[in-house]
Amino acid sequence: MSEEPSISDILALSVAERILLVEDIWDSIADVPEAVELSDAQRRELDTRLEAYRRDPAAGAPWDVIKARIANGS
């Protein structure tokens, strides 16, 4: 069995390698969404946003549109 990497091991990786590591970690968390605990405030906010979406699904914008706006500074 191999040893767990230390923080210094991780920081020795290139930026691209660290980004891939973070993506792998995030994917492992996303695989078990039920393990992520929400506070009451977070749950209320999600419920509020879901209700707003149900009232008017066309009011929002797709992520790629929002991402482009952010990238363009508008």
PDB file of N, CA and C in Angstrom:
ATOM      1  N   MET A   1       0.847  -1.177   0.000  1.00  0.00           N
ATOM      2  CA  MET A   1       0.000   0.000   0.000  1.00  0.00           C
ATOM      3  C   MET A   1       0.895   1.243   0.000  1.00  0.00           C
ATOM      4  N   SER A   2       0.557   2.222  -0.820  1.00  0.00           N
ATOM      5  CA  SER A   2       1.379   3.420  -0.918  1.00  0.00           C
ATOM      6  C   SER A   2       0.962   4.434   0.146  1.00  0.00           C
ATOM      7  N   GLU A   3       1.904   5.321   0.459  1.00  0.00           N
ATOM      8  CA  GLU A   3       1.627   6.376   1.429  1.00  0.00           C
ATOM      9  C   GLU A   3       0.766   7.456   0.794  1.00  0.00           C
ATOM     10  N   GLU A   4       0.007   8.123   1.634  1.00  0.00           N
ATOM     11  CA  GLU A   4      -0.781   9.252   1.141  1.00  0.00           C
ATOM     12  C   GLU A   4       0.163  10.400   0.810  1.00  0.00           C
ATOM     13  N   PRO A   5      -0.143  11.147  -0.240  1.00  0.00           N
ATOM     14  CA  PRO A   5       0.729  12.277  -0.581  1.00  0.00           C
ATOM     15  C   PRO A   5       0.619  13.377   0.473  1.00  0.00           C
ATOM     16  N   SER A   6       1.724  14.039   0.730  1.00  0.00           N
ATOM     17  CA  SER A   6       1.727  15.170   1.661  1.00  0.00           C
ATOM     18  C   SER A   6       1.362  16.447   0.901  1.00  0.00           C
ATOM     19  N   ILE A   7       1.109  17.486   1.635  1.00  0.00           N
ATOM     20  CA  ILE A   7       0.831  18.790   1.014  1.00  0.00           C
ATOM     21  C   ILE A   7       2.024  19.201   0.147  1.00  0.00           C
ATOM     22  N   SER A   8       3.223  18.979   0.625  1.00  0.00           N
ATOM     23  CA  SER A   8       4.393  19.361  -0.174  1.00  0.00           C
ATOM     24  C   SER A   8       4.473  18.544  -1.463  1.00  0.00           C
ATOM     25  N   ASP A   9       4.047  17.270  -1.412  1.00  0.00           N
ATOM     26  CA  ASP A   9       3.991  16.457  -2.631  1.00  0.00           C
ATOM     27  C   ASP A   9       3.007  17.066  -3.627  1.00  0.00           C
ATOM     28  N   ILE A  10       1.864  17.473  -3.112  1.00  0.00           N
ATOM     29  CA  ILE A  10       0.825  18.054  -3.978  1.00  0.00           C
ATOM     30  C   ILE A  10       1.291  19.378  -4.556  1.00  0.00           C
ATOM     31  N   LEU A  11       1.909  20.211  -3.717  1.00  0.00           N
ATOM     32  CA  LEU A  11       2.381  21.511  -4.197  1.00  0.00           C
ATOM     33  C   LEU A  11       3.541  21.381  -5.184  1.00  0.00           C
ATOM     34  N   ALA A  12       4.201  20.236  -5.181  1.00  0.00           N
ATOM     35  CA  ALA A  12       5.289  20.007  -6.139  1.00  0.00           C
ATOM     36  C   ALA A  12       4.764  19.665  -7.533  1.00  0.00           C
ATOM     37  N   LEU A  13       3.492  19.330  -7.623  1.00  0.00           N
ATOM     38  CA  LEU A  13       2.885  19.051  -8.928  1.00  0.00           C
ATOM     39  C   LEU A  13       2.787  20.332  -9.740  1.00  0.00           C
ATOM     40  N   SER A  14       2.727  20.194 -11.037  1.00  0.00           N
ATOM     41  CA  SER A  14       2.512  21.372 -11.884  1.00  0.00           C
ATOM     42  C   SER A  14       1.091  21.881 -11.661  1.00  0.00           C
ATOM     43  N   VAL A  15       0.845  23.091 -12.068  1.00  0.00           N
ATOM     44  CA  VAL A  15      -0.498  23.653 -11.928  1.00  0.00           C
ATOM     45  C   VAL A  15      -1.511  22.789 -12.670  1.00  0.00           C
ATOM     46  N   ALA A  16      -1.151  22.348 -13.866  1.00  0.00           N
ATOM     47  CA  ALA A  16      -2.078  21.504 -14.634  1.00  0.00           C
ATOM     48  C   ALA A  16      -2.386  20.202 -13.890  1.00  0.00           C
ATOM     49  N   GLU A  17      -1.356  19.607 -13.282  1.00  0.00           N
ATOM     50  CA  GLU A  17      -1.572  18.370 -12.520  1.00  0.00           C
ATOM     51  C   GLU A  17      -2.437  18.612 -11.292  1.00  0.00           C
ATOM     52  N   ARG A  18      -2.237  19.752 -10.630  1.00  0.00           N
ATOM     53  CA  ARG A  18      -3.071  20.072  -9.457  1.00  0.00           C
ATOM     54  C   ARG A  18      -4.513  20.320  -9.861  1.00  0.00           C
ATOM     55  N   ILE A  19      -4.726  20.945 -11.007  1.00  0.00           N
ATOM     56  CA  ILE A  19      -6.093  21.158 -11.490  1.00  0.00           C
ATOM     57  C   ILE A  19      -6.763  19.815 -11.750  1.00  0.00           C
ATOM     58  N   LEU A  20      -6.041  18.896 -12.383  1.00  0.00           N
ATOM     59  CA  LEU A  20      -6.602  17.557 -12.620  1.00  0.00           C
ATOM     60  C   LEU A  20      -6.915  16.851 -11.305  1.00  0.00           C
ATOM     61  N   LEU A  21      -6.059  17.021 -10.313  1.00  0.00           N
ATOM     62  CA  LEU A  21      -6.293  16.423  -8.994  1.00  0.00           C
ATOM     63  C   LEU A  21      -7.560  16.983  -8.366  1.00  0.00           C
ATOM     64  N   VAL A  22      -7.715  18.293  -8.430  1.00  0.00           N
ATOM     65  CA  VAL A  22      -8.914  18.927  -7.880  1.00  0.00           C
ATOM     66  C   VAL A  22     -10.160  18.425  -8.608  1.00  0.00           C
ATOM     67  N   GLU A  23     -10.075  18.294  -9.924  1.00  0.00           N
ATOM     68  CA  GLU A  23     -11.213  17.774 -10.690  1.00  0.00           C
ATOM     69  C   GLU A  23     -11.552  16.354 -10.249  1.00  0.00           C
ATOM     70  N   ASP A  24     -10.530  15.535 -10.029  1.00  0.00           N
ATOM     71  CA  ASP A  24     -10.764  14.167  -9.570  1.00  0.00           C
ATOM     72  C   ASP A  24     -11.406  14.149  -8.184  1.00  0.00           C
ATOM     73  N   ILE A  25     -10.925  15.027  -7.316  1.00  0.00           N
ATOM     74  CA  ILE A  25     -11.517  15.111  -5.974  1.00  0.00           C
ATOM     75  C   ILE A  25     -12.969  15.555  -6.075  1.00  0.00           C
ATOM     76  N   TRP A  26     -13.228  16.598  -6.873  1.00  0.00           N
ATOM     77  CA  TRP A  26     -14.601  17.102  -7.020  1.00  0.00           C
ATOM     78  C   TRP A  26     -15.512  16.005  -7.580  1.00  0.00           C
ATOM     79  N   ASP A  27     -15.045  15.277  -8.575  1.00  0.00           N
ATOM     80  CA  ASP A  27     -15.849  14.192  -9.150  1.00  0.00           C
ATOM     81  C   ASP A  27     -16.163  13.131  -8.105  1.00  0.00           C
ATOM     82  N   SER A  28     -15.200  12.841  -7.229  1.00  0.00           N
ATOM     83  CA  SER A  28     -15.439  11.832  -6.193  1.00  0.00           C
ATOM     84  C   SER A  28     -16.488  12.308  -5.198  1.00  0.00           C
ATOM     85  N   ILE A  29     -16.552  13.614  -4.956  1.00  0.00           N
ATOM     86  CA  ILE A  29     -17.582  14.170  -4.068  1.00  0.00           C
ATOM     87  C   ILE A  29     -18.932  14.154  -4.769  1.00  0.00           C
ATOM     88  N   ALA A  30     -18.948  14.510  -6.050  1.00  0.00           N
ATOM     89  CA  ALA A  30     -20.195  14.535  -6.822  1.00  0.00           C
ATOM     90  C   ALA A  30     -20.804  13.151  -6.968  1.00  0.00           C
ATOM     91  N   ASP A  31     -19.994  12.113  -6.859  1.00  0.00           N
ATOM     92  CA  ASP A  31     -20.497  10.745  -6.957  1.00  0.00           C
ATOM     93  C   ASP A  31     -21.382  10.362  -5.770  1.00  0.00           C
ATOM     94  N   VAL A  32     -21.271  11.086  -4.673  1.00  0.00           N
ATOM     95  CA  VAL A  32     -22.070  10.784  -3.475  1.00  0.00           C
ATOM     96  C   VAL A  32     -22.724  12.070  -2.941  1.00  0.00           C
ATOM     97  N   PRO A  33     -23.635  12.669  -3.717  1.00  0.00           N
ATOM     98  CA  PRO A  33     -24.221  13.949  -3.300  1.00  0.00           C
ATOM     99  C   PRO A  33     -24.942  13.866  -1.957  1.00  0.00           C
ATOM    100  N   GLU A  34     -25.444  12.681  -1.617  1.00  0.00           N
ATOM    101  CA  GLU A  34     -26.148  12.545  -0.346  1.00  0.00           C
ATOM    102  C   GLU A  34     -25.211  12.709   0.857  1.00  0.00           C
ATOM    103  N   ALA A  35     -23.909  12.624   0.629  1.00  0.00           N
ATOM    104  CA  ALA A  35     -22.947  12.782   1.714  1.00  0.00           C
ATOM    105  C   ALA A  35     -22.633  14.250   2.007  1.00  0.00           C
ATOM    106  N   VAL A  36     -23.058  15.143   1.124  1.00  0.00           N
ATOM    107  CA  VAL A  36     -22.809  16.567   1.314  1.00  0.00           C
ATOM    108  C   VAL A  36     -23.962  17.142   2.139  1.00  0.00           C
ATOM    109  N   GLU A  37     -23.630  17.581   3.337  1.00  0.00           N
ATOM    110  CA  GLU A  37     -24.654  18.117   4.219  1.00  0.00           C
ATOM    111  C   GLU A  37     -24.894  19.591   3.914  1.00  0.00           C
ATOM    112  N   LEU A  38     -26.166  19.960   3.894  1.00  0.00           N
ATOM    113  CA  LEU A  38     -26.547  21.352   3.670  1.00  0.00           C
ATOM    114  C   LEU A  38     -27.024  21.960   4.980  1.00  0.00           C
ATOM    115  N   SER A  39     -26.721  23.229   5.151  1.00  0.00           N
ATOM    116  CA  SER A  39     -27.271  23.935   6.305  1.00  0.00           C
ATOM    117  C   SER A  39     -28.739  24.247   6.004  1.00  0.00           C
ATOM    118  N   ASP A  40     -29.479  24.619   7.015  1.00  0.00           N
ATOM    119  CA  ASP A  40     -30.882  24.998   6.807  1.00  0.00           C
ATOM    120  C   ASP A  40     -30.979  26.181   5.846  1.00  0.00           C
ATOM    121  N   ALA A  41     -30.061  27.134   5.973  1.00  0.00           N
ATOM    122  CA  ALA A  41     -30.074  28.312   5.095  1.00  0.00           C
ATOM    123  C   ALA A  41     -29.809  27.906   3.645  1.00  0.00           C
ATOM    124  N   GLN A  42     -28.874  26.994   3.422  1.00  0.00           N
ATOM    125  CA  GLN A  42     -28.591  26.526   2.067  1.00  0.00           C
ATOM    126  C   GLN A  42     -29.796  25.796   1.488  1.00  0.00           C
ATOM    127  N   ARG A  43     -30.422  24.966   2.296  1.00  0.00           N
ATOM    128  CA  ARG A  43     -31.601  24.227   1.837  1.00  0.00           C
ATOM    129  C   ARG A  43     -32.739  25.190   1.480  1.00  0.00           C
ATOM    130  N   ARG A  44     -32.956  26.214   2.309  1.00  0.00           N
ATOM    131  CA  ARG A  44     -34.000  27.212   2.012  1.00  0.00           C
ATOM    132  C   ARG A  44     -33.690  27.945   0.714  1.00  0.00           C
ATOM    133  N   GLU A  45     -32.416  28.313   0.514  1.00  0.00           N
ATOM    134  CA  GLU A  45     -32.030  29.024  -0.711  1.00  0.00           C
ATOM    135  C   GLU A  45     -32.259  28.148  -1.939  1.00  0.00           C
ATOM    136  N   LEU A  46     -31.889  26.889  -1.857  1.00  0.00           N
ATOM    137  CA  LEU A  46     -32.129  25.983  -2.978  1.00  0.00           C
ATOM    138  C   LEU A  46     -33.618  25.819  -3.252  1.00  0.00           C
ATOM    139  N   ASP A  47     -34.419  25.697  -2.201  1.00  0.00           N
ATOM    140  CA  ASP A  47     -35.869  25.595  -2.369  1.00  0.00           C
ATOM    141  C   ASP A  47     -36.441  26.848  -3.024  1.00  0.00           C
ATOM    142  N   THR A  48     -35.943  28.020  -2.614  1.00  0.00           N
ATOM    143  CA  THR A  48     -36.389  29.293  -3.196  1.00  0.00           C
ATOM    144  C   THR A  48     -36.047  29.352  -4.680  1.00  0.00           C
ATOM    145  N   ARG A  49     -34.834  28.960  -5.028  1.00  0.00           N
ATOM    146  CA  ARG A  49     -34.413  28.990  -6.431  1.00  0.00           C
ATOM    147  C   ARG A  49     -35.175  27.975  -7.272  1.00  0.00           C
ATOM    148  N   LEU A  50     -35.439  26.803  -6.717  1.00  0.00           N
ATOM    149  CA  LEU A  50     -36.199  25.786  -7.440  1.00  0.00           C
ATOM    150  C   LEU A  50     -37.625  26.270  -7.690  1.00  0.00           C
ATOM    151  N   GLU A  51     -38.223  26.890  -6.697  1.00  0.00           N
ATOM    152  CA  GLU A  51     -39.574  27.418  -6.863  1.00  0.00           C
ATOM    153  C   GLU A  51     -39.601  28.521  -7.922  1.00  0.00           C
ATOM    154  N   ALA A  52     -38.606  29.408  -7.921  1.00  0.00           N
ATOM    155  CA  ALA A  52     -38.526  30.469  -8.934  1.00  0.00           C
ATOM    156  C   ALA A  52     -38.391  29.861 -10.324  1.00  0.00           C
ATOM    157  N   TYR A  53     -37.607  28.817 -10.443  1.00  0.00           N
ATOM    158  CA  TYR A  53     -37.452  28.139 -11.735  1.00  0.00           C
ATOM    159  C   TYR A  53     -38.776  27.526 -12.175  1.00  0.00           C
ATOM    160  N   ARG A  54     -39.461  26.894 -11.259  1.00  0.00           N
ATOM    161  CA  ARG A  54     -40.738  26.260 -11.614  1.00  0.00           C
ATOM    162  C   ARG A  54     -41.772  27.297 -12.048  1.00  0.00           C
ATOM    163  N   ARG A  55     -41.745  28.492 -11.439  1.00  0.00           N
ATOM    164  CA  ARG A  55     -42.679  29.554 -11.825  1.00  0.00           C
ATOM    165  C   ARG A  55     -42.373  30.082 -13.223  1.00  0.00           C
ATOM    166  N   ASP A  56     -41.067  30.187 -13.559  1.00  0.00           N
ATOM    167  CA  ASP A  56     -40.682  30.771 -14.851  1.00  0.00           C
ATOM    168  C   ASP A  56     -39.358  30.161 -15.330  1.00  0.00           C
ATOM    169  N   PRO A  57     -39.422  28.978 -15.941  1.00  0.00           N
ATOM    170  CA  PRO A  57     -38.185  28.302 -16.371  1.00  0.00           C
ATOM    171  C   PRO A  57     -37.373  29.089 -17.398  1.00  0.00           C
ATOM    172  N   ALA A  58     -38.008  29.981 -18.134  1.00  0.00           N
ATOM    173  CA  ALA A  58     -37.302  30.748 -19.166  1.00  0.00           C
ATOM    174  C   ALA A  58     -36.582  31.968 -18.604  1.00  0.00           C
ATOM    175  N   ALA A  59     -36.748  32.246 -17.324  1.00  0.00           N
ATOM    176  CA  ALA A  59     -36.161  33.461 -16.740  1.00  0.00           C
ATOM    177  C   ALA A  59     -34.646  33.383 -16.627  1.00  0.00           C
ATOM    178  N   GLY A  60     -34.098  32.204 -16.519  1.00  0.00           N
ATOM    179  CA  GLY A  60     -32.653  32.050 -16.351  1.00  0.00           C
ATOM    180  C   GLY A  60     -31.932  31.979 -17.683  1.00  0.00           C
ATOM    181  N   ALA A  61     -30.649  31.702 -17.591  1.00  0.00           N
ATOM    182  CA  ALA A  61     -29.824  31.551 -18.790  1.00  0.00           C
ATOM    183  C   ALA A  61     -28.949  30.314 -18.620  1.00  0.00           C
ATOM    184  N   PRO A  62     -28.636  29.632 -19.712  1.00  0.00           N
ATOM    185  CA  PRO A  62     -27.765  28.453 -19.624  1.00  0.00           C
ATOM    186  C   PRO A  62     -26.363  28.834 -19.148  1.00  0.00           C
ATOM    187  N   TRP A  63     -25.680  27.877 -18.511  1.00  0.00           N
ATOM    188  CA  TRP A  63     -24.344  28.120 -17.968  1.00  0.00           C
ATOM    189  C   TRP A  63     -23.384  28.650 -19.016  1.00  0.00           C
ATOM    190  N   ASP A  64     -23.412  28.122 -20.241  1.00  0.00           N
ATOM    191  CA  ASP A  64     -22.456  28.583 -21.253  1.00  0.00           C
ATOM    192  C   ASP A  64     -22.656  30.058 -21.583  1.00  0.00           C
ATOM    193  N   VAL A  65     -23.889  30.532 -21.523  1.00  0.00           N
ATOM    194  CA  VAL A  65     -24.169  31.954 -21.773  1.00  0.00           C
ATOM    195  C   VAL A  65     -23.627  32.800 -20.615  1.00  0.00           C
ATOM    196  N   ILE A  66     -23.894  32.362 -19.390  1.00  0.00           N
ATOM    197  CA  ILE A  66     -23.408  33.094 -18.217  1.00  0.00           C
ATOM    198  C   ILE A  66     -21.882  33.110 -18.196  1.00  0.00           C
ATOM    199  N   LYS A  67     -21.275  31.967 -18.483  1.00  0.00           N
ATOM    200  CA  LYS A  67     -19.817  31.862 -18.497  1.00  0.00           C
ATOM    201  C   LYS A  67     -19.216  32.816 -19.523  1.00  0.00           C
ATOM    202  N   ALA A  68     -19.847  32.903 -20.702  1.00  0.00           N
ATOM    203  CA  ALA A  68     -19.351  33.817 -21.738  1.00  0.00           C
ATOM    204  C   ALA A  68     -19.472  35.268 -21.287  1.00  0.00           C
ATOM    205  N   ARG A  69     -20.584  35.598 -20.606  1.00  0.00           N
ATOM    206  CA  ARG A  69     -20.748  36.969 -20.086  1.00  0.00           C
ATOM    207  C   ARG A  69     -19.636  37.301 -19.088  1.00  0.00           C
ATOM    208  N   ILE A  70     -19.346  36.360 -18.206  1.00  0.00           N
ATOM    209  CA  ILE A  70     -18.299  36.588 -17.205  1.00  0.00           C
ATOM    210  C   ILE A  70     -16.956  36.757 -17.900  1.00  0.00           C
ATOM    211  N   ALA A  71     -16.663  35.902 -18.878  1.00  0.00           N
ATOM    212  CA  ALA A  71     -15.387  35.972 -19.582  1.00  0.00           C
ATOM    213  C   ALA A  71     -15.229  37.270 -20.345  1.00  0.00           C
ATOM    214  N   ASN A  72     -16.344  37.809 -20.841  1.00  0.00           N
ATOM    215  CA  ASN A  72     -16.304  39.058 -21.613  1.00  0.00           C
ATOM    216  C   ASN A  72     -16.421  40.298 -20.723  1.00  0.00           C
ATOM    217  N   GLY A  73     -16.636  40.087 -19.432  1.00  0.00           N
ATOM    218  CA  GLY A  73     -16.748  41.217 -18.516  1.00  0.00           C
ATOM    219  C   GLY A  73     -18.049  41.988 -18.643  1.00  0.00           C
ATOM    220  N   SER A  74     -19.077  41.350 -19.211  1.00  0.00           N
ATOM    221  CA  SER A  74     -20.344  42.071 -19.347  1.00  0.00           C
ATOM    222  C   SER A  74     -21.428  41.467 -18.499  1.00  0.00           C
TER     223      SER A  74
END
